[in-house]
Amino acid sequence: MRKTPLKYLCAASVGAALLLAAQIFMLDGVYAQNAGRTAAPSLAPPAQQVAPVAASPLPTELTTRVAHDDLAERLAELTPEEQVAVQLYALRNKSIVNVSTVETHTNLFFEQTAEGCGSGVVLSKDGVVLTNFHVVENASKIDVTLFNGETYAAKPIGVDPNTDVALVKIDATPDELFPVEFGDSSRLLVGQTVYAIGNPFGLERTMTKGIVSNLNRSITSPRQFRQIKGVIQVDAAINPGNSGGALFDTKARMIGMNTAIASRVGENSGVGFAVPINTINRIVSILLEKGEVVRGNAGVVEVTETEGGLIPRLIDEGGAADRAGLRGGKLVITRRNVNGMQYEARSFRNPREGFDVINEVNGQPIESGEDFITAVEEHAPGETIELTIIRQGQKMKLPIVLD
C-alpha cells in the first residue's frame, strides 16, 4: 500500500487508523522531528487576555463598509452565497498576517541561513499574533507583515509544540490591528461551508472555500510521539504558506487554524487539517497567563463519537489508558527481514472482548472528542482521573494515572 505523505502548511492525519504511518511534512518545508528541542523562552504575558468576542450579524456590519467603498451595486448583483464570501473577506482579510523567519546554523567554517514563511492571525489590539509552532521553530529572527505592508519584528511570548501553537508579539499601533472573533468548534457539522485565508506560496491574504470533510481527526504534532487530537478535516485548497492562517465559518468566526495537508506531491489534494479553535482558545489562555502548558496524557489517540458515548478506536500501547485496562484499538507493528531487507507492516487490533464506551470524566458527561481532551488536559502528569465507562452493557468506574 502506498503511503500518503502529510505536509504541514508552512514551510495532519486523516484518522490515525488510516494514516498513522504516513510521512509528516510541514507546509513550508519538510519537518524533521527533534526530540531534544525545548520550548522557546516566553516573555511576560500581555495584560489583556484574548477572549472570543460576541457574534454580530455579518451583513449588517459590512453593508456600510462596502457602500463606503462604492461596491454596493456590484455586491447586489451577486448570489447570496457569493455575497457571504465577499463580505467575509472584506471583514477578515486584515486580520491575517505574513510571518517570515530566518534560521541560522553555524559550523566550524561558515554560517548558513534558511528563510521560511507562513501565516498568522491577529488576536488582540496589543499586538498578540497567533501562528503555528512549526512556522517559528528554531527561528533566530521573526518578522510579521500586516495588511498595509508594514513589517514589525516579533518576539515569542509562548509556544506549545504539542498542539502546534505559538504566540508572538509585535509593537504595532492599535489602529493597524484587526483581531478575529472566535467561534465554537464543538458545534461544527460535517458538510458545513468554511473559508481559509492565508498566504499560500507567499500570495498574501488568499481566500479559498470548502466544507468540513470530517471531525475529530488526529495528526502528528511537532512534538515527537504526540498527537494533536480533535482536528478538523477540510477540503478547502490550502498549500505551503497557509500554516498559521485562519479557518472561518460563514459568520466570519474563526473556527480553526490551518496546519497540515495530506499529499503525495506536497501541494493541495483536497485533504487539509486545522487545529480547532476551542483547543487554541484554551492553549492561548494558558500561554498568556503562564507562558507554557503542562498537561496530562491519557494515551487515548482517537475516538469515535456515538450517541452512547466515545469509543476509543486507538489507544497508545503501554500508555496510561492501556495500563489502566481500557479496552480500545491498538496499532500493531510487525517487522521482518527478507533477503537482507527490512519490511514493516502495520495493522490495527481491536479488543477481543469488545470496545469500552466512555461516558464521563470525573463525573462530568463527555459528548465529544474535544470534551474528552479538555477534561484530561485540565490535569497534570501523575494525577488520577476517573472514567465512567460502559463495558459489555455494564457501567463501571476506571481510574487512570495520567502520563
Protein backbone atom coordinates (compact mmCIF):
# COMPACT_ATOMS: atom_id res chain seq x y z
CA MET A 1 0.00 0.00 0.00
CA ARG A 2 1.36 3.43 -0.91
CA LYS A 3 1.91 5.84 1.92
CA THR A 4 0.28 9.26 1.68
CA PRO A 5 2.69 11.92 2.95
CA LEU A 6 1.32 14.63 5.22
CA LYS A 7 2.70 18.09 4.72
CA TYR A 8 2.41 20.91 7.21
CA LEU A 9 1.24 24.19 5.76
CA CYS A 10 4.27 26.35 6.27
CA ALA A 11 7.46 25.77 5.02
CA ALA A 12 -2.17 16.01 9.50
CA SER A 13 -3.64 12.54 9.92
CA VAL A 14 -6.71 11.60 8.39
CA GLY A 15 -7.91 9.21 11.05
CA ALA A 16 -4.99 7.65 12.82
CA ALA A 17 -6.36 4.32 11.67
CA LEU A 18 -5.70 5.35 8.07
CA LEU A 19 -2.57 7.47 8.01
CA LEU A 20 -0.76 6.90 11.28
CA ALA A 21 2.23 5.56 9.38
CA ALA A 22 2.31 8.41 6.85
CA GLN A 23 5.28 10.66 6.34
CA ILE A 24 4.85 14.06 8.01
CA PHE A 25 5.77 17.27 6.22
CA MET A 26 5.47 20.93 7.09
CA LEU A 27 3.56 23.10 4.66
CA ASP A 28 6.56 25.38 4.29
CA GLY A 29 9.33 22.80 4.22
CA VAL A 30 9.95 19.24 5.29
CA TYR A 31 9.61 18.84 9.04
CA ALA A 32 12.33 16.91 10.85
CA GLN A 33 11.24 15.92 14.33
CA ASN A 34 13.71 16.82 17.07
CA ALA A 35 13.17 15.02 20.34
CA GLY A 36 15.78 17.15 22.07
CA ARG A 37 14.22 20.55 21.38
CA THR A 38 12.93 22.53 24.32
CA ALA A 39 10.28 25.22 24.25
CA ALA A 40 11.41 28.73 23.43
CA PRO A 41 11.57 31.06 26.44
CA SER A 42 8.47 33.17 26.86
CA LEU A 43 8.18 36.80 27.85
CA ALA A 44 5.84 38.21 30.44
CA PRO A 45 2.25 37.73 29.21
CA PRO A 46 0.35 40.79 27.95
CA ALA A 47 -2.01 42.29 30.47
CA GLN A 48 -5.04 41.85 28.22
CA GLN A 49 -6.19 38.26 27.72
CA VAL A 50 -7.55 37.07 24.40
CA ALA A 51 -11.18 36.02 24.54
CA PRO A 52 -13.89 35.32 21.98
CA VAL A 53 -15.96 38.35 21.01
CA ALA A 54 -19.75 38.24 20.95
CA ALA A 55 -21.02 37.45 17.46
CA SER A 56 -22.63 40.17 15.36
CA PRO A 57 -24.56 39.80 12.11
CA LEU A 58 -22.04 39.80 9.28
CA PRO A 59 -24.11 41.52 6.55
CA THR A 60 -25.10 44.47 8.80
CA GLU A 61 -21.53 45.32 9.71
CA LEU A 62 -20.26 45.02 6.17
CA THR A 63 -23.01 46.83 4.27
CA THR A 64 -21.73 50.20 5.46
CA ARG A 65 -18.14 49.38 4.59
CA VAL A 66 -18.99 48.05 1.15
CA ALA A 67 -21.20 51.04 0.41
CA HIS A 68 -18.42 53.37 1.51
CA ASP A 69 -16.12 51.62 -0.97
CA ASP A 70 -18.73 52.14 -3.70
CA LEU A 71 -19.11 48.38 -4.18
CA ALA A 72 -22.73 48.03 -3.07
CA GLU A 73 -24.05 47.86 -6.62
CA ARG A 74 -21.68 45.08 -7.61
CA LEU A 75 -22.40 43.22 -4.38
CA ALA A 76 -26.14 43.31 -5.11
CA GLU A 77 -25.53 41.54 -8.42
CA LEU A 78 -24.03 38.53 -6.69
CA THR A 79 -25.81 35.46 -5.37
CA PRO A 80 -26.38 35.28 -1.61
CA GLU A 81 -23.61 32.69 -1.36
CA GLU A 82 -21.18 34.95 -3.20
CA GLN A 83 -22.17 37.90 -1.03
CA VAL A 84 -21.27 35.95 2.10
CA ALA A 85 -17.81 35.15 0.72
CA VAL A 86 -17.15 38.74 -0.44
CA GLN A 87 -18.31 40.22 2.86
CA LEU A 88 -16.36 37.72 4.92
CA TYR A 89 -13.15 38.51 3.08
CA ALA A 90 -13.73 42.26 3.41
CA LEU A 91 -14.19 41.88 7.16
CA ARG A 92 -11.42 39.40 7.98
CA ASN A 93 -8.56 39.70 5.46
CA LYS A 94 -6.87 42.44 7.51
CA SER A 95 -6.68 40.02 10.44
CA ILE A 96 -4.32 37.72 8.53
CA VAL A 97 -0.59 38.49 8.55
CA ASN A 98 2.52 37.15 6.87
CA VAL A 99 5.09 35.54 9.18
CA SER A 100 8.63 35.34 7.81
CA THR A 101 11.54 33.73 9.63
CA VAL A 102 15.30 33.36 9.42
CA GLU A 103 17.03 30.33 10.88
CA THR A 104 20.80 30.45 11.37
CA HIS A 105 23.14 27.46 11.65
CA THR A 106 26.84 27.85 12.39
CA ASN A 107 29.52 25.21 11.95
CA LEU A 108 33.32 25.34 12.21
CA PHE A 109 33.79 27.03 8.85
CA PHE A 110 30.81 29.19 7.95
CA GLU A 111 27.32 30.33 8.83
CA GLN A 112 24.24 29.15 6.97
CA THR A 113 20.84 30.80 6.98
CA ALA A 114 17.46 29.47 5.88
CA GLU A 115 14.36 31.55 5.30
CA GLY A 116 10.79 30.43 5.90
CA CYS A 117 7.34 31.90 5.73
CA GLY A 118 3.83 31.21 6.91
CA SER A 119 0.68 32.91 8.08
CA GLY A 120 -0.59 34.33 11.33
CA VAL A 121 -3.75 35.73 12.88
CA VAL A 122 -4.15 38.94 14.90
CA LEU A 123 -5.68 38.13 18.29
CA SER A 124 -5.64 41.47 20.09
CA LYS A 125 -5.11 45.19 19.71
CA ASP A 126 -1.97 44.99 21.85
CA GLY A 127 -0.14 43.02 19.16
CA VAL A 128 -0.60 39.34 20.05
CA VAL A 129 -0.38 37.20 16.91
CA LEU A 130 -1.22 33.50 16.66
CA THR A 131 0.67 31.15 14.35
CA ASN A 132 1.88 27.55 14.21
CA PHE A 133 4.80 26.42 16.34
CA HIS A 134 6.41 24.78 13.30
CA VAL A 135 6.41 28.15 11.50
CA VAL A 136 8.65 29.80 14.11
CA GLU A 137 10.52 26.77 15.48
CA ASN A 138 14.31 27.37 15.63
CA ALA A 139 13.88 30.86 14.16
CA SER A 140 16.56 33.38 15.11
CA LYS A 141 14.53 36.20 13.58
CA ILE A 142 10.75 36.58 13.16
CA ASP A 143 9.03 39.34 11.21
CA VAL A 144 5.30 39.97 10.88
CA THR A 145 3.93 41.90 7.90
CA LEU A 146 0.47 43.42 8.22
CA PHE A 147 -2.16 44.01 5.52
CA ASN A 148 -0.82 47.53 4.93
CA GLY A 149 2.68 46.30 4.14
CA GLU A 150 4.19 47.43 7.44
CA THR A 151 6.66 44.90 8.87
CA TYR A 152 7.42 44.52 12.58
CA ALA A 153 9.94 42.43 14.45
CA ALA A 154 8.14 39.80 16.53
CA LYS A 155 9.10 38.26 19.87
CA PRO A 156 7.87 34.82 21.02
CA ILE A 157 5.74 35.00 24.15
CA GLY A 158 4.74 31.35 24.41
CA VAL A 159 4.73 28.11 22.45
CA ASP A 160 3.03 24.74 22.76
CA PRO A 161 4.60 22.20 20.39
CA ASN A 162 2.10 19.51 21.39
CA THR A 163 -0.74 21.43 19.71
CA ASP A 164 1.48 23.29 17.20
CA VAL A 165 0.50 26.66 18.68
CA ALA A 166 2.78 29.68 19.05
CA LEU A 167 2.18 33.27 20.13
CA VAL A 168 4.36 36.20 19.11
CA LYS A 169 4.00 39.90 19.90
CA ILE A 170 4.59 42.95 17.74
CA ASP A 171 4.68 46.66 18.61
CA ALA A 172 2.17 47.84 16.00
CA THR A 173 -0.31 50.64 16.64
CA PRO A 174 -3.83 49.53 17.62
CA ASP A 175 -5.39 51.08 14.51
CA GLU A 176 -3.30 48.71 12.35
CA LEU A 177 -4.55 45.61 14.15
CA PHE A 178 -7.85 43.87 13.40
CA PRO A 179 -8.44 40.97 15.83
CA VAL A 180 -10.52 37.99 14.75
CA GLU A 181 -13.62 36.72 16.52
CA PHE A 182 -13.55 33.17 17.88
CA GLY A 183 -16.35 30.72 17.11
CA ASP A 184 -17.14 27.38 18.75
CA SER A 185 -15.55 24.36 17.07
CA SER A 186 -17.58 21.92 19.18
CA ARG A 187 -20.67 22.95 17.19
CA LEU A 188 -19.22 22.19 13.75
CA LEU A 189 -21.02 19.80 11.44
CA VAL A 190 -19.62 17.73 8.59
CA GLY A 191 -20.70 19.39 5.35
CA GLN A 192 -20.87 22.99 6.52
CA THR A 193 -19.11 25.66 4.45
CA VAL A 194 -15.74 27.01 5.58
CA TYR A 195 -13.27 29.58 4.26
CA ALA A 196 -9.49 29.56 4.66
CA ILE A 197 -7.41 32.75 4.50
CA GLY A 198 -3.61 32.65 4.48
CA ASN A 199 -0.50 33.20 2.38
CA PRO A 200 -0.07 30.13 0.13
CA PHE A 201 3.21 30.27 -1.82
CA GLY A 202 3.66 33.79 -0.41
CA LEU A 203 0.50 35.10 -2.10
CA GLU A 204 -0.75 37.28 0.72
CA ARG A 205 -4.27 37.03 2.16
CA THR A 206 -5.59 34.44 -0.29
CA MET A 207 -9.05 33.02 0.43
CA THR A 208 -10.29 29.57 -0.55
CA LYS A 209 -13.58 27.84 0.13
CA GLY A 210 -14.61 24.30 1.04
CA ILE A 211 -16.54 22.23 3.52
CA VAL A 212 -15.86 20.42 6.76
CA SER A 213 -14.99 16.94 5.47
CA ASN A 214 -14.81 15.27 8.88
CA LEU A 215 -14.17 15.95 12.53
CA ASN A 216 -12.16 14.55 15.42
CA ARG A 217 -9.12 13.54 13.36
CA SER A 218 -5.68 13.02 14.90
CA ILE A 219 -2.44 14.26 13.34
CA THR A 220 1.20 14.06 14.42
CA SER A 221 2.33 17.13 16.33
CA PRO A 222 5.78 18.75 16.05
CA ARG A 223 6.49 17.25 19.48
CA GLN A 224 7.75 13.75 18.80
CA PHE A 225 5.43 10.86 19.68
CA ARG A 226 2.49 13.18 20.42
CA GLN A 227 -0.78 13.59 18.58
CA ILE A 228 -2.96 16.66 18.06
CA LYS A 229 -6.46 15.35 18.70
CA GLY A 230 -9.90 16.63 17.70
CA VAL A 231 -8.56 18.08 14.44
CA ILE A 232 -10.90 19.44 11.72
CA GLN A 233 -10.57 17.93 8.23
CA VAL A 234 -11.49 20.22 5.32
CA ASP A 235 -11.36 20.12 1.53
CA ALA A 236 -10.64 23.86 1.08
CA ALA A 237 -7.50 24.44 -1.00
CA ILE A 238 -4.61 25.06 1.40
CA ASN A 239 -0.96 24.92 0.39
CA PRO A 240 2.57 25.71 1.61
CA GLY A 241 2.43 29.12 3.29
CA ASN A 242 -1.07 28.60 4.74
CA SER A 243 0.30 27.39 8.08
CA GLY A 244 -0.98 29.57 10.90
CA GLY A 245 -3.78 31.03 8.80
CA ALA A 246 -7.42 31.08 9.84
CA LEU A 247 -10.37 28.85 9.01
CA PHE A 248 -13.70 30.71 9.19
CA ASP A 249 -17.35 29.74 9.22
CA THR A 250 -19.96 31.66 7.21
CA LYS A 251 -20.44 34.11 10.12
CA ALA A 252 -16.78 35.15 9.83
CA ARG A 253 -15.91 33.49 13.12
CA MET A 254 -12.55 31.76 13.35
CA ILE A 255 -13.14 28.05 13.95
CA GLY A 256 -9.64 26.67 13.40
CA MET A 257 -6.01 27.30 12.43
CA ASN A 258 -4.86 25.71 9.16
CA THR A 259 -1.92 23.43 9.89
CA ALA A 260 -1.35 20.50 7.53
CA ILE A 261 -2.41 18.65 4.39
CA ALA A 262 -2.28 15.04 3.25
CA SER A 263 -0.46 14.98 -0.07
CA ARG A 264 1.88 12.84 -2.15
CA VAL A 265 3.17 15.88 -4.05
CA GLY A 266 3.44 18.46 -1.27
CA GLU A 267 0.53 20.56 -2.53
CA ASN A 268 -3.22 20.65 -2.02
CA SER A 269 -5.03 17.38 -2.70
CA GLY A 270 -8.31 18.22 -1.04
CA VAL A 271 -7.42 16.86 2.40
CA GLY A 272 -6.43 19.58 4.85
CA PHE A 273 -6.35 19.83 8.63
CA ALA A 274 -7.00 22.65 11.09
CA VAL A 275 -6.44 22.77 14.85
CA PRO A 276 -9.90 23.52 16.35
CA ILE A 277 -10.44 26.96 17.84
CA ASN A 278 -11.62 25.59 21.19
CA THR A 279 -8.24 23.91 21.61
CA ILE A 280 -6.47 27.09 20.52
CA ASN A 281 -8.52 29.27 22.87
CA ARG A 282 -7.67 27.04 25.83
CA ILE A 283 -3.96 26.92 24.97
CA VAL A 284 -3.73 30.65 24.24
CA SER A 285 -5.28 31.50 27.62
CA ILE A 286 -2.74 29.29 29.42
CA LEU A 287 0.21 30.67 27.43
CA LEU A 288 -0.77 34.26 28.12
CA GLU A 289 -1.12 33.54 31.82
CA LYS A 290 1.78 31.13 32.43
CA GLY A 291 3.95 31.13 29.30
CA GLU A 292 3.89 27.34 28.99
CA VAL A 293 1.48 24.40 29.05
CA VAL A 294 1.92 21.38 31.31
CA ARG A 295 -0.68 18.70 30.65
CA GLY A 296 -1.57 15.13 31.43
CA ASN A 297 -1.92 12.48 28.74
CA ALA A 298 -4.44 9.64 28.96
CA GLY A 299 -2.98 7.78 25.99
CA VAL A 300 -6.26 7.88 24.05
CA VAL A 301 -5.25 8.79 20.49
CA GLU A 302 -8.53 8.64 18.59
CA VAL A 303 -12.19 8.24 19.50
CA THR A 304 -15.42 7.77 17.58
CA GLU A 305 -18.36 9.83 18.80
CA THR A 306 -21.64 7.92 19.19
CA GLU A 307 -24.95 8.64 20.89
CA GLY A 308 -23.93 6.24 23.62
CA GLY A 309 -20.51 7.82 24.27
CA LEU A 310 -16.95 7.79 22.95
CA ILE A 311 -15.43 4.61 21.53
CA PRO A 312 -11.61 4.53 21.98
CA ARG A 313 -10.71 3.44 18.45
CA LEU A 314 -6.98 3.86 19.08
CA ILE A 315 -5.04 3.95 22.34
CA ASP A 316 -1.29 4.03 22.95
CA GLU A 317 0.04 0.58 23.73
CA GLY A 318 1.60 0.84 27.19
CA GLY A 319 0.06 4.30 27.68
CA ALA A 320 -1.97 5.48 30.67
CA ALA A 321 -5.33 4.16 29.42
CA ASP A 322 -3.82 0.84 28.35
CA ARG A 323 -2.16 0.35 31.74
CA ALA A 324 -5.47 1.07 33.45
CA GLY A 325 -7.17 -1.61 31.37
CA LEU A 326 -9.27 0.49 28.99
CA ARG A 327 -10.39 -1.67 26.09
CA GLY A 328 -9.59 0.11 22.84
CA GLY A 329 -7.94 -0.44 19.47
CA LYS A 330 -4.16 -0.66 19.19
CA LEU A 331 -1.64 -0.23 16.42
CA VAL A 332 0.39 -3.39 15.76
CA ILE A 333 3.76 -3.08 14.01
CA THR A 334 5.31 -6.25 12.59
CA ARG A 335 8.87 -6.21 11.27
CA ARG A 336 10.58 -8.92 9.27
CA ASN A 337 13.80 -9.46 7.37
CA VAL A 338 13.58 -10.86 3.84
CA ASN A 339 16.83 -11.39 1.94
CA GLY A 340 18.54 -8.71 4.00
CA MET A 341 15.76 -6.16 3.51
CA GLN A 342 13.72 -4.86 6.45
CA TYR A 343 9.95 -4.75 5.96
CA GLU A 344 7.39 -3.22 8.28
CA ALA A 345 3.66 -4.00 8.29
CA ARG A 346 1.12 -2.03 10.30
CA SER A 347 -2.30 -3.24 11.30
CA PHE A 348 -4.92 -2.43 13.90
CA ARG A 349 -6.06 -4.82 16.59
CA ASN A 350 -9.48 -4.46 18.14
CA PRO A 351 -10.03 -5.62 21.72
CA ARG A 352 -11.08 -9.26 21.80
CA GLU A 353 -13.76 -8.60 24.45
CA GLY A 354 -15.17 -5.57 22.59
CA PHE A 355 -14.66 -1.83 22.95
CA ASP A 356 -15.37 0.12 26.12
CA VAL A 357 -17.53 3.24 25.75
CA ILE A 358 -16.51 6.40 27.65
CA ASN A 359 -19.37 8.44 29.12
CA GLU A 360 -17.83 10.66 31.78
CA VAL A 361 -14.55 12.05 33.09
CA ASN A 362 -14.57 12.70 36.85
CA GLY A 363 -18.35 12.58 36.84
CA GLN A 364 -18.75 15.13 34.04
CA PRO A 365 -20.62 13.96 30.90
CA ILE A 366 -18.44 13.70 27.78
CA GLU A 367 -20.11 14.05 24.39
CA SER A 368 -17.25 14.80 22.00
CA GLY A 369 -13.56 14.23 21.47
CA GLU A 370 -12.93 17.87 22.36
CA ASP A 371 -14.80 17.40 25.66
CA PHE A 372 -12.55 14.47 26.49
CA ILE A 373 -9.33 16.28 25.60
CA THR A 374 -10.34 19.34 27.61
CA ALA A 375 -11.26 17.26 30.66
CA VAL A 376 -8.00 15.30 30.57
CA GLU A 377 -5.67 18.22 29.90
CA GLU A 378 -7.01 20.14 32.90
CA HIS A 379 -4.91 17.72 34.94
CA ALA A 380 -1.14 17.42 35.28
CA PRO A 381 1.00 14.33 34.68
CA GLY A 382 0.81 11.97 37.65
CA GLU A 383 -2.73 12.99 38.60
CA THR A 384 -5.53 10.43 38.56
CA ILE A 385 -8.76 10.87 36.64
CA GLU A 386 -11.79 8.58 36.80
CA LEU A 387 -13.57 7.49 33.64
CA THR A 388 -17.13 6.26 33.67
CA ILE A 389 -17.35 3.57 31.01
CA ILE A 390 -19.82 1.05 29.66
CA ARG A 391 -18.27 -2.41 29.33
CA GLN A 392 -20.38 -5.19 27.86
CA GLY A 393 -23.52 -3.36 28.90
CA GLN A 394 -22.38 -2.66 32.46
CA LYS A 395 -21.45 0.78 33.84
CA MET A 396 -18.18 0.91 35.79
CA LYS A 397 -15.52 3.34 37.02
CA LEU A 398 -11.96 3.19 35.67
CA PRO A 399 -9.20 5.24 37.38
CA ILE A 400 -6.31 6.33 35.13
CA VAL A 401 -2.97 7.79 36.26
CA LEU A 402 -2.00 10.32 33.59
CA ASP A 403 1.38 10.34 31.87
